Amino acid sequence: MKRNINIGFAAVLLLVSCSNKEKMLDSLADYNNSKEEKGYHFGDKIELPEEITANTESIAVSFRGKETTDLTIDPKFFTLGDNKVIFIIKTKKGEVLNQDATINVFTKTPEQNIPYKIVADYPHDPKNFIEGFVVEGNTVYESDGMKGASQLIKYTLGSSVPKIMAKQPAEIFSEGCAIVGDKIYQLTYQNKIGFIYDKNTLKKISQFPLPNVIGEGWGLTYDGKNLIATDGSKNLYFLDVNDPSKVVKTVCVGGSATIYDQLNELEYHNGFIYSNVWLKPMILKINPANGEVVGTFDFTEIAKQNTKGSDDVLNGIAFKGDNMLVTGKNWSKIYEVAFK
């Protein structure tokens, strides 16, 4: 009889223990869900419910293979955007509970809407499915995509007729391009390779494999030290210019209430990265040091005049002095805009 009582008591303890664990995990899940949309800012503290803290010996957060017990949103540990983490809770009874969560981190300062005015426009060949767009002086270097139609071309701003054209094999889908000295670097979409050309002749010098972390090649620019690439995610990949297969660092891009992904065509100018967002008539002004979006340009009206189908989207950013040049896939014009 006594043995049966002991067994029954143990069973009750087990049920209570399971119930407490479930309550703690449910409480943590509810807390995470409530914070996911609102998000955090750098410097904020993760303040878990008392139902969790009162019953725990320690709480840690695991992210990208690293672990911390500091529940402050520290930029040295977290990134802007959505951080897929695991909460690791050790209870006072020595049990270890794991809970998946998403910690969204936003910037403290809202993005500024940057006003501009159109000061000029230039012809652009509407047959060109533009993916990369760079201007040096009065010379345009353009990378055009689509299988069977991919090419790298060079022409004078104001004339859409190429001076030099480098056609690519039918299986290649060209993407972003960037100038480094006397060379042009060019990405491909899903071919997992990049090309290096002589800037003056557009003769191919060599090719390189894209880093494994980059699933697809989208945009490319150069900041004077590193190549910077996008792959349609929220990430900016800084590549070693001497070995573009090597990622030097990754920076995530975010705003005060938005996680920006679908980052596409890029341009570096005067200390900032400019990126369009695929399928949206907008360009972001990004601080490359931390991925913070400090400003946005709304090109809705320009896009309306040029978008005939779902693919004819804004997708070209360059600079002519301090003025921005913008164009898009199959657009018939390049617009020069001055910031107000």
Protein backbone atom coordinates (compact mmCIF):
# COMPACT_ATOMS: atom_id res chain seq x y z
CA MET A 1 0.00 0.00 0.00
CA LYS A 2 2.78 2.40 0.97
CA ARG A 3 4.59 1.63 -2.29
CA ASN A 4 1.45 2.49 -4.28
CA ILE A 5 1.14 5.79 -2.41
CA ASN A 6 4.76 6.63 -3.25
CA ILE A 7 4.20 5.78 -6.90
CA GLY A 8 1.09 7.94 -6.95
CA PHE A 9 2.93 10.85 -5.31
CA ALA A 10 5.76 10.59 -7.84
CA ALA A 11 3.23 10.61 -10.66
CA VAL A 12 1.63 13.77 -9.25
CA LEU A 13 5.06 15.45 -9.01
CA LEU A 14 5.77 14.48 -12.61
CA LEU A 15 2.44 15.92 -13.77
CA VAL A 16 3.07 19.15 -11.84
CA SER A 17 6.57 19.39 -13.32
CA CYS A 18 5.25 18.86 -16.86
CA SER A 19 2.49 21.37 -16.24
CA ASN A 20 5.00 24.00 -15.01
CA LYS A 21 7.22 23.46 -18.04
CA GLU A 22 4.27 23.81 -20.40
CA LYS A 23 3.14 26.99 -18.64
CA MET A 24 6.63 28.49 -18.87
CA LEU A 25 6.99 27.62 -22.56
CA ASP A 26 3.48 28.88 -23.34
CA SER A 27 4.23 32.11 -21.48
CA LEU A 28 7.47 32.55 -23.40
CA ALA A 29 5.72 31.85 -26.72
CA ASP A 30 3.00 34.41 -25.91
CA TYR A 31 5.63 36.98 -24.97
CA ASN A 32 7.62 36.37 -28.14
CA ASN A 33 4.51 36.66 -30.32
CA SER A 34 3.53 39.93 -28.66
CA LYS A 35 7.01 41.40 -29.24
CA GLU A 36 7.58 40.09 -32.76
CA GLU A 37 5.58 42.78 -34.56
CA LYS A 38 6.55 45.63 -32.25
CA GLY A 39 10.18 44.57 -32.23
CA TYR A 40 13.17 45.87 -30.34
CA HIS A 41 15.78 48.56 -30.80
CA PHE A 42 19.47 48.30 -30.01
CA GLY A 43 19.96 48.93 -26.30
CA ASP A 44 16.53 47.54 -25.34
CA LYS A 45 16.30 44.86 -22.67
CA ILE A 46 14.45 41.58 -23.17
CA GLU A 47 12.14 41.56 -20.15
CA LEU A 48 10.60 38.12 -19.86
CA PRO A 49 7.41 37.50 -17.84
CA GLU A 50 7.75 36.89 -14.10
CA GLU A 51 6.24 33.44 -14.57
CA ILE A 52 9.47 32.54 -16.36
CA THR A 53 12.06 34.51 -14.39
CA ALA A 54 10.72 33.40 -10.99
CA ASN A 55 11.30 29.76 -11.86
CA THR A 56 14.62 29.94 -13.63
CA GLU A 57 18.22 29.67 -12.60
CA SER A 58 19.58 31.09 -15.88
CA ILE A 59 18.35 32.32 -19.26
CA ALA A 60 20.49 32.38 -22.41
CA VAL A 61 19.90 33.24 -26.04
CA SER A 62 21.50 31.26 -28.86
CA PHE A 63 21.95 32.93 -32.26
CA ARG A 64 24.10 31.87 -35.22
CA GLY A 65 26.07 29.40 -33.13
CA LYS A 66 26.81 31.90 -30.36
CA GLU A 67 25.25 32.12 -26.92
CA THR A 68 24.76 34.98 -24.46
CA THR A 69 23.15 35.45 -21.06
CA ASP A 70 23.03 39.23 -21.55
CA LEU A 71 19.42 39.96 -22.50
CA THR A 72 20.28 43.38 -23.91
CA ILE A 73 19.77 43.87 -27.67
CA ASP A 74 23.44 44.39 -28.44
CA PRO A 75 24.55 45.13 -32.05
CA LYS A 76 27.63 43.00 -31.40
CA PHE A 77 25.36 39.96 -31.04
CA PHE A 78 22.10 40.71 -32.88
CA THR A 79 21.55 42.16 -36.36
CA LEU A 80 18.92 44.48 -37.76
CA GLY A 81 15.91 42.57 -39.05
CA ASP A 82 14.65 39.17 -38.02
CA ASN A 83 16.95 37.21 -35.75
CA LYS A 84 15.98 33.52 -35.50
CA VAL A 85 17.06 32.60 -31.97
CA ILE A 86 16.61 29.91 -29.33
CA PHE A 87 15.86 30.78 -25.72
CA ILE A 88 17.64 28.32 -23.40
CA ILE A 89 16.08 28.28 -19.94
CA LYS A 90 17.53 26.34 -17.03
CA THR A 91 14.90 25.94 -14.31
CA LYS A 92 15.58 25.92 -10.60
CA LYS A 93 14.93 22.17 -10.71
CA GLY A 94 17.78 21.71 -13.17
CA GLU A 95 15.63 21.15 -16.26
CA VAL A 96 16.63 22.76 -19.56
CA LEU A 97 13.87 24.19 -21.78
CA ASN A 98 14.40 25.37 -25.36
CA GLN A 99 12.06 27.73 -27.20
CA ASP A 100 12.46 28.99 -30.78
CA ALA A 101 11.71 32.67 -31.32
CA THR A 102 12.15 35.56 -33.73
CA ILE A 103 13.63 38.76 -32.36
CA ASN A 104 12.97 41.60 -34.78
CA VAL A 105 15.36 44.51 -34.38
CA PHE A 106 14.59 47.94 -35.86
CA THR A 107 16.42 51.26 -35.93
CA LYS A 108 15.57 53.98 -33.44
CA THR A 109 15.48 56.82 -35.97
CA PRO A 110 12.69 56.79 -38.60
CA GLU A 111 13.78 56.88 -42.24
CA GLN A 112 13.55 60.28 -43.92
CA ASN A 113 11.57 60.60 -47.14
CA ILE A 114 14.11 62.37 -49.38
CA PRO A 115 12.54 64.85 -51.83
CA TYR A 116 13.92 65.26 -55.34
CA LYS A 117 13.15 66.85 -58.70
CA ILE A 118 13.71 65.56 -62.23
CA VAL A 119 16.27 67.78 -63.97
CA ALA A 120 16.86 65.80 -67.20
CA ASP A 121 16.11 62.56 -69.00
CA TYR A 122 18.06 60.49 -71.52
CA PRO A 123 17.13 57.70 -73.93
CA HIS A 124 17.41 54.07 -72.85
CA ASP A 125 16.95 51.05 -75.08
CA PRO A 126 13.60 49.52 -74.04
CA LYS A 127 14.77 46.09 -75.22
CA ASN A 128 17.32 45.98 -72.40
CA PHE A 129 16.33 44.03 -69.28
CA ILE A 130 18.67 46.08 -67.11
CA GLU A 131 20.27 44.44 -64.07
CA GLY A 132 23.47 46.43 -63.49
CA PHE A 133 23.98 50.16 -64.12
CA VAL A 134 27.17 52.17 -63.58
CA VAL A 135 28.13 55.61 -64.92
CA GLU A 136 31.65 57.05 -65.12
CA GLY A 137 31.78 60.60 -66.41
CA ASN A 138 29.53 60.44 -69.45
CA THR A 139 29.99 56.72 -70.10
CA VAL A 140 27.36 54.14 -69.15
CA TYR A 141 28.22 50.52 -68.37
CA GLU A 142 25.13 48.33 -68.35
CA SER A 143 24.56 44.66 -67.57
CA ASP A 144 21.38 43.23 -69.11
CA GLY A 145 19.75 39.96 -68.13
CA MET A 146 17.53 37.15 -69.45
CA LYS A 147 18.78 33.87 -70.83
CA GLY A 148 19.66 34.20 -74.49
CA ALA A 149 19.78 38.00 -74.24
CA SER A 150 22.36 38.67 -71.53
CA GLN A 151 25.07 41.18 -72.33
CA LEU A 152 27.45 43.77 -71.02
CA ILE A 153 27.36 47.03 -72.97
CA LYS A 154 29.09 50.41 -72.96
CA TYR A 155 27.54 53.59 -74.38
CA THR A 156 27.49 57.36 -74.01
CA LEU A 157 24.81 58.87 -71.78
CA GLY A 158 22.35 60.50 -74.18
CA SER A 159 22.77 57.77 -76.80
CA SER A 160 21.31 54.30 -76.29
CA VAL A 161 23.45 52.81 -79.08
CA PRO A 162 26.30 50.71 -77.63
CA LYS A 163 29.90 51.57 -78.45
CA ILE A 164 30.97 48.09 -77.36
CA MET A 165 28.89 45.00 -76.65
CA ALA A 166 29.87 41.72 -74.98
CA LYS A 167 27.21 39.08 -75.60
CA GLN A 168 27.05 36.16 -73.20
CA PRO A 169 26.26 32.46 -73.73
CA ALA A 170 22.58 31.56 -73.94
CA GLU A 171 22.58 29.80 -70.54
CA ILE A 172 23.90 32.89 -68.72
CA PHE A 173 21.53 35.31 -66.96
CA SER A 174 23.54 38.45 -66.19
CA GLU A 175 22.96 40.54 -63.07
CA GLY A 176 24.63 43.44 -61.23
CA CYS A 177 27.96 44.96 -62.19
CA ALA A 178 30.56 47.23 -60.60
CA ILE A 179 33.73 49.02 -61.73
CA VAL A 180 37.01 48.51 -59.89
CA GLY A 181 39.84 50.43 -61.52
CA ASP A 182 40.13 49.18 -65.10
CA LYS A 183 37.97 46.12 -64.46
CA ILE A 184 34.25 45.41 -64.47
CA TYR A 185 32.92 42.72 -62.13
CA GLN A 186 29.60 41.14 -63.05
CA LEU A 187 27.30 38.70 -61.24
CA THR A 188 25.03 36.07 -62.71
CA TYR A 189 21.57 35.21 -61.45
CA GLN A 190 21.54 31.43 -60.87
CA ASN A 191 24.66 30.33 -62.71
CA LYS A 192 26.70 30.64 -59.46
CA ILE A 193 29.58 32.43 -61.21
CA GLY A 194 30.80 35.96 -61.72
CA PHE A 195 32.85 37.48 -64.52
CA ILE A 196 35.69 40.00 -64.66
CA TYR A 197 36.12 42.13 -67.79
CA ASP A 198 38.51 44.73 -69.09
CA LYS A 199 36.64 48.01 -68.69
CA ASN A 200 37.98 49.54 -71.90
CA THR A 201 37.43 46.63 -74.29
CA LEU A 202 34.81 44.52 -72.43
CA LYS A 203 37.00 41.51 -73.09
CA LYS A 204 36.52 38.78 -70.47
CA ILE A 205 39.58 38.39 -68.25
CA SER A 206 38.41 35.64 -65.88
CA GLN A 207 35.54 34.25 -63.87
CA PHE A 208 34.99 33.20 -60.24
CA PRO A 209 32.51 31.10 -58.25
CA LEU A 210 30.03 33.04 -56.14
CA PRO A 211 30.31 32.46 -52.37
CA ASN A 212 28.15 29.53 -51.22
CA VAL A 213 26.15 31.81 -48.91
CA ILE A 214 24.92 33.79 -51.91
CA GLY A 215 22.13 31.72 -53.40
CA GLU A 216 21.55 34.05 -56.34
CA GLY A 217 23.44 37.02 -57.72
CA TRP A 218 21.38 40.24 -57.81
CA GLY A 219 23.10 43.61 -57.28
CA LEU A 220 26.74 44.65 -57.09
CA THR A 221 28.71 47.80 -56.23
CA TYR A 222 32.16 48.82 -54.95
CA ASP A 223 32.93 51.03 -51.93
CA GLY A 224 36.61 51.56 -52.69
CA LYS A 225 37.64 48.59 -50.58
CA ASN A 226 35.17 45.74 -51.02
CA LEU A 227 32.66 44.60 -53.58
CA ILE A 228 29.15 44.62 -52.10
CA ALA A 229 26.54 42.16 -53.37
CA THR A 230 22.87 41.36 -52.83
CA ASP A 231 21.00 38.11 -53.35
CA GLY A 232 17.38 39.22 -52.93
CA SER A 233 17.45 38.91 -49.15
CA LYS A 234 17.92 41.57 -46.43
CA ASN A 235 21.69 41.06 -46.55
CA LEU A 236 24.55 43.06 -47.99
CA TYR A 237 27.56 40.81 -48.60
CA PHE A 238 30.96 42.51 -48.55
CA LEU A 239 33.31 40.54 -50.80
CA ASP A 240 37.10 40.54 -51.01
CA VAL A 241 37.85 42.37 -54.26
CA ASN A 242 40.95 40.21 -54.79
CA ASP A 243 38.97 37.03 -54.15
CA PRO A 244 35.24 37.69 -54.75
CA SER A 245 34.41 34.14 -53.67
CA LYS A 246 35.25 35.21 -50.10
CA VAL A 247 32.71 37.03 -47.89
CA VAL A 248 34.45 39.56 -45.63
CA LYS A 249 31.34 40.46 -43.65
CA THR A 250 27.55 40.47 -43.87
CA VAL A 251 25.38 43.44 -42.93
CA CYS A 252 21.58 43.19 -42.56
CA VAL A 253 19.39 46.10 -43.66
CA GLY A 254 16.53 47.48 -41.56
CA GLY A 255 14.47 50.57 -40.81
CA SER A 256 12.49 51.87 -37.85
CA ALA A 257 9.52 49.57 -38.44
CA THR A 258 10.41 47.55 -41.55
CA ILE A 259 12.71 44.69 -42.37
CA TYR A 260 13.85 45.42 -45.92
CA ASP A 261 14.47 42.40 -48.08
CA GLN A 262 14.41 41.89 -51.87
CA LEU A 263 17.42 44.23 -51.98
CA ASN A 264 18.49 44.44 -55.60
CA GLU A 265 20.52 46.87 -57.72
CA LEU A 266 23.18 48.76 -55.75
CA GLU A 267 25.24 51.93 -55.98
CA TYR A 268 27.82 53.28 -53.54
CA HIS A 269 28.12 57.07 -53.39
CA ASN A 270 29.65 59.47 -50.85
CA GLY A 271 29.69 57.01 -47.96
CA PHE A 272 26.25 55.49 -48.46
CA ILE A 273 24.82 52.49 -50.30
CA TYR A 274 21.76 53.03 -52.45
CA SER A 275 19.55 50.02 -53.17
CA ASN A 276 16.27 49.53 -54.91
CA VAL A 277 13.72 47.05 -53.54
CA TRP A 278 12.57 44.60 -56.17
CA LEU A 279 8.98 45.13 -57.35
CA LYS A 280 8.70 48.39 -55.39
CA PRO A 281 9.22 51.90 -56.82
CA MET A 282 11.58 52.92 -54.05
CA ILE A 283 15.28 53.34 -53.38
CA LEU A 284 16.87 53.06 -49.95
CA LYS A 285 19.78 55.11 -48.63
CA ILE A 286 21.75 52.79 -46.33
CA ASN A 287 24.52 53.32 -43.80
CA PRO A 288 26.98 50.55 -44.75
CA ALA A 289 28.47 50.42 -41.25
CA ASN A 290 25.34 48.99 -39.63
CA GLY A 291 22.71 48.49 -42.37
CA GLU A 292 20.49 51.29 -41.06
CA VAL A 293 18.16 52.77 -43.67
CA VAL A 294 18.47 56.52 -43.14
CA GLY A 295 16.34 57.65 -46.07
CA THR A 296 14.00 56.52 -48.84
CA PHE A 297 13.15 57.84 -52.30
CA ASP A 298 9.63 57.36 -53.66
CA PHE A 299 9.70 56.91 -57.45
CA THR A 300 6.06 55.86 -57.81
CA GLU A 301 5.19 58.47 -60.45
CA ILE A 302 8.25 57.72 -62.60
CA ALA A 303 7.56 53.99 -62.35
CA LYS A 304 3.91 54.43 -63.39
CA GLN A 305 5.01 56.07 -66.63
CA ASN A 306 7.35 53.21 -67.53
CA THR A 307 5.87 50.02 -66.11
CA LYS A 308 3.82 48.16 -68.70
CA GLY A 309 4.07 44.69 -67.18
CA SER A 310 5.02 42.97 -63.94
CA ASP A 311 8.71 42.77 -64.93
CA ASP A 312 9.22 46.37 -66.08
CA VAL A 313 10.29 47.59 -62.66
CA LEU A 314 12.68 50.21 -61.34
CA ASN A 315 16.12 48.59 -61.39
CA GLY A 316 18.94 50.99 -62.14
CA ILE A 317 20.86 53.38 -59.88
CA ALA A 318 23.92 55.44 -60.78
CA PHE A 319 25.32 58.90 -60.07
CA LYS A 320 26.24 61.78 -62.33
CA GLY A 321 28.10 64.11 -59.99
CA ASP A 322 25.77 64.57 -57.03
CA ASN A 323 22.65 63.81 -59.06
CA MET A 324 21.12 60.36 -59.14
CA LEU A 325 20.34 58.54 -62.38
CA VAL A 326 17.49 56.01 -62.28
CA THR A 327 16.04 53.67 -64.86
CA GLY A 328 14.40 50.25 -65.03
CA LYS A 329 13.92 47.01 -66.88
CA ASN A 330 12.79 47.72 -70.46
CA TRP A 331 12.35 51.43 -69.72
CA SER A 332 12.80 53.87 -72.59
CA LYS A 333 14.29 56.60 -70.39
CA ILE A 334 16.99 57.27 -67.84
CA TYR A 335 16.03 60.01 -65.38
CA GLU A 336 18.43 62.43 -63.72
CA VAL A 337 17.15 63.69 -60.37
CA ALA A 338 18.55 66.30 -58.01
CA PHE A 339 17.91 66.14 -54.28
CA LYS A 340 15.97 69.08 -52.91
